[in-house]
Amino acid sequence: MPRPCETAHEAQPATCRLCYLWQTDPRYRQLWGGNPDEVEQEPGLLGKLTHFGQSLVRHAQNRFQKASKEEVERRLAICRTCNYLREDTCTKCGCGLGGSKILNKTVWQSEKCPVGLW
């Protein structure tokens, strides 16, 4: 999805006000020439499986180490304020924040945010 500004979003996409409006307000997307019904969707099943498989390999290579409780809480706090979070699911990688703490990548020490927020 094109963005209305020219900032490098991979570093801090959640802090860009223009992109936040683009993501959350259909009138704003239309103003910038985008489809007002176009909203970033989470990856499909194949994409989720791919991301999970890659995460699992990194987690295994890291000997299944978990992040500290403080680190997990910090990551979750960042995720909860992110523009890419929709109904407890990241629209970039498909990771769910609800449900199982075992399969939640915020708990795995080896994992990183797909947009570089943690």
Protein backbone atom coordinates (compact mmCIF):
# COMPACT_ATOMS: atom_id res chain seq x y z
CA MET A 1 0.00 0.00 0.00
CA PRO A 2 1.52 3.38 -0.93
CA ARG A 3 2.08 5.88 1.85
CA PRO A 4 1.35 9.63 1.76
CA CYS A 5 4.75 10.67 3.06
CA GLU A 6 8.31 9.88 2.11
CA THR A 7 9.66 8.85 5.51
CA ALA A 8 11.57 5.58 5.85
CA HIS A 9 8.88 3.56 7.61
CA GLU A 10 10.78 0.42 8.41
CA ALA A 11 12.48 2.13 11.35
CA GLN A 12 9.46 3.65 13.15
CA PRO A 13 6.20 3.21 11.18
CA ALA A 14 4.00 3.53 14.26
CA THR A 15 5.16 7.10 14.89
CA CYS A 16 4.32 8.54 11.46
CA ARG A 17 1.10 10.55 11.87
CA LEU A 18 0.42 10.71 8.13
CA CYS A 19 0.69 6.94 7.78
CA TYR A 20 -1.44 6.42 10.88
CA LEU A 21 -4.20 8.48 9.28
CA TRP A 22 -3.74 6.60 5.99
CA GLN A 23 -4.11 3.29 7.81
CA THR A 24 -7.09 4.21 9.98
CA ASP A 25 -9.19 6.76 8.07
CA PRO A 26 -10.78 5.86 4.70
CA ARG A 27 -11.37 9.56 3.93
CA TYR A 28 -7.68 10.24 4.32
CA ARG A 29 -6.77 7.38 1.93
CA GLN A 30 -9.20 8.81 -0.61
CA LEU A 31 -7.73 12.32 -0.17
CA TRP A 32 -4.30 10.98 -1.10
CA GLY A 33 -5.66 9.12 -4.12
CA GLY A 34 -5.94 5.68 -2.56
CA ASN A 35 -8.86 3.31 -2.42
CA PRO A 36 -10.89 4.19 0.71
CA ASP A 37 -11.75 0.50 1.19
CA GLU A 38 -8.11 -0.60 1.03
CA VAL A 39 -6.87 -1.57 4.48
CA GLU A 40 -3.70 -3.49 5.19
CA GLN A 41 -4.64 -7.11 5.85
CA GLU A 42 -2.74 -9.70 7.79
CA PRO A 43 -0.90 -12.38 5.80
CA GLY A 44 -2.88 -15.36 4.58
CA LEU A 45 -2.42 -18.88 5.92
CA LEU A 46 0.63 -19.58 3.75
CA GLY A 47 2.27 -16.31 4.79
CA LYS A 48 1.58 -17.00 8.46
CA LEU A 49 3.02 -20.51 8.17
CA THR A 50 6.11 -19.15 6.44
CA HIS A 51 6.70 -16.49 9.09
CA PHE A 52 6.08 -18.99 11.89
CA GLY A 53 8.44 -21.55 10.33
CA GLN A 54 11.21 -18.97 10.01
CA SER A 55 10.64 -17.86 13.62
CA LEU A 56 10.67 -21.44 14.84
CA VAL A 57 14.00 -22.13 13.11
CA ARG A 58 15.57 -19.02 14.70
CA HIS A 59 14.09 -20.01 18.08
CA ALA A 60 15.58 -23.52 17.77
CA GLN A 61 18.96 -22.11 16.72
CA ASN A 62 18.83 -19.96 19.85
CA ARG A 63 18.25 -23.14 21.91
CA PHE A 64 14.61 -22.22 22.65
CA GLN A 65 15.58 -19.42 25.00
CA LYS A 66 12.80 -17.17 26.24
CA ALA A 67 12.98 -13.42 26.72
CA SER A 68 12.85 -12.12 30.27
CA LYS A 69 9.45 -11.28 31.74
CA GLU A 70 10.33 -7.57 31.61
CA GLU A 71 11.34 -7.82 27.94
CA VAL A 72 8.12 -9.64 27.05
CA GLU A 73 6.06 -6.94 28.79
CA ARG A 74 8.02 -4.22 26.99
CA ARG A 75 7.45 -5.90 23.62
CA LEU A 76 3.75 -6.41 24.28
CA ALA A 77 3.33 -2.77 25.34
CA ILE A 78 4.90 -1.66 22.06
CA CYS A 79 2.75 -4.08 20.05
CA ARG A 80 -0.44 -2.87 21.71
CA THR A 81 0.21 0.68 20.48
CA CYS A 82 1.32 -0.28 16.96
CA ASN A 83 -0.69 0.79 13.92
CA TYR A 84 -0.21 -2.65 12.38
CA LEU A 85 -2.07 -4.44 15.20
CA ARG A 86 -5.61 -5.46 14.24
CA GLU A 87 -7.70 -7.48 16.70
CA ASP A 88 -4.64 -8.88 18.52
CA THR A 89 -2.92 -9.85 15.25
CA CYS A 90 0.04 -8.17 13.57
CA THR A 91 -0.83 -7.36 9.95
CA LYS A 92 2.86 -7.55 8.97
CA CYS A 93 3.74 -11.08 10.10
CA GLY A 94 0.44 -12.56 11.27
CA CYS A 95 1.66 -13.10 14.85
CA GLY A 96 -1.16 -13.20 17.36
CA LEU A 97 -0.78 -11.54 20.73
CA GLY A 98 -3.70 -13.29 22.35
CA GLY A 99 -3.89 -16.96 23.16
CA SER A 100 -0.84 -19.14 23.64
CA LYS A 101 2.21 -17.59 25.30
CA ILE A 102 4.22 -20.56 24.04
CA LEU A 103 3.68 -19.71 20.37
CA ASN A 104 3.75 -15.94 20.83
CA LYS A 105 6.98 -14.61 19.33
CA THR A 106 7.21 -11.78 21.88
CA VAL A 107 8.24 -14.53 24.32
CA TRP A 108 11.00 -15.97 22.12
CA GLN A 109 14.34 -14.25 22.75
CA SER A 110 15.49 -14.67 19.14
CA GLU A 111 12.56 -12.81 17.60
CA LYS A 112 12.25 -9.23 16.42
CA CYS A 113 9.35 -7.00 15.41
CA PRO A 114 8.75 -7.21 11.63
CA VAL A 115 8.85 -3.40 11.39
CA GLY A 116 11.76 -2.91 13.81
CA LEU A 117 9.95 -1.52 16.84
CA TRP A 118 11.58 -4.02 19.24
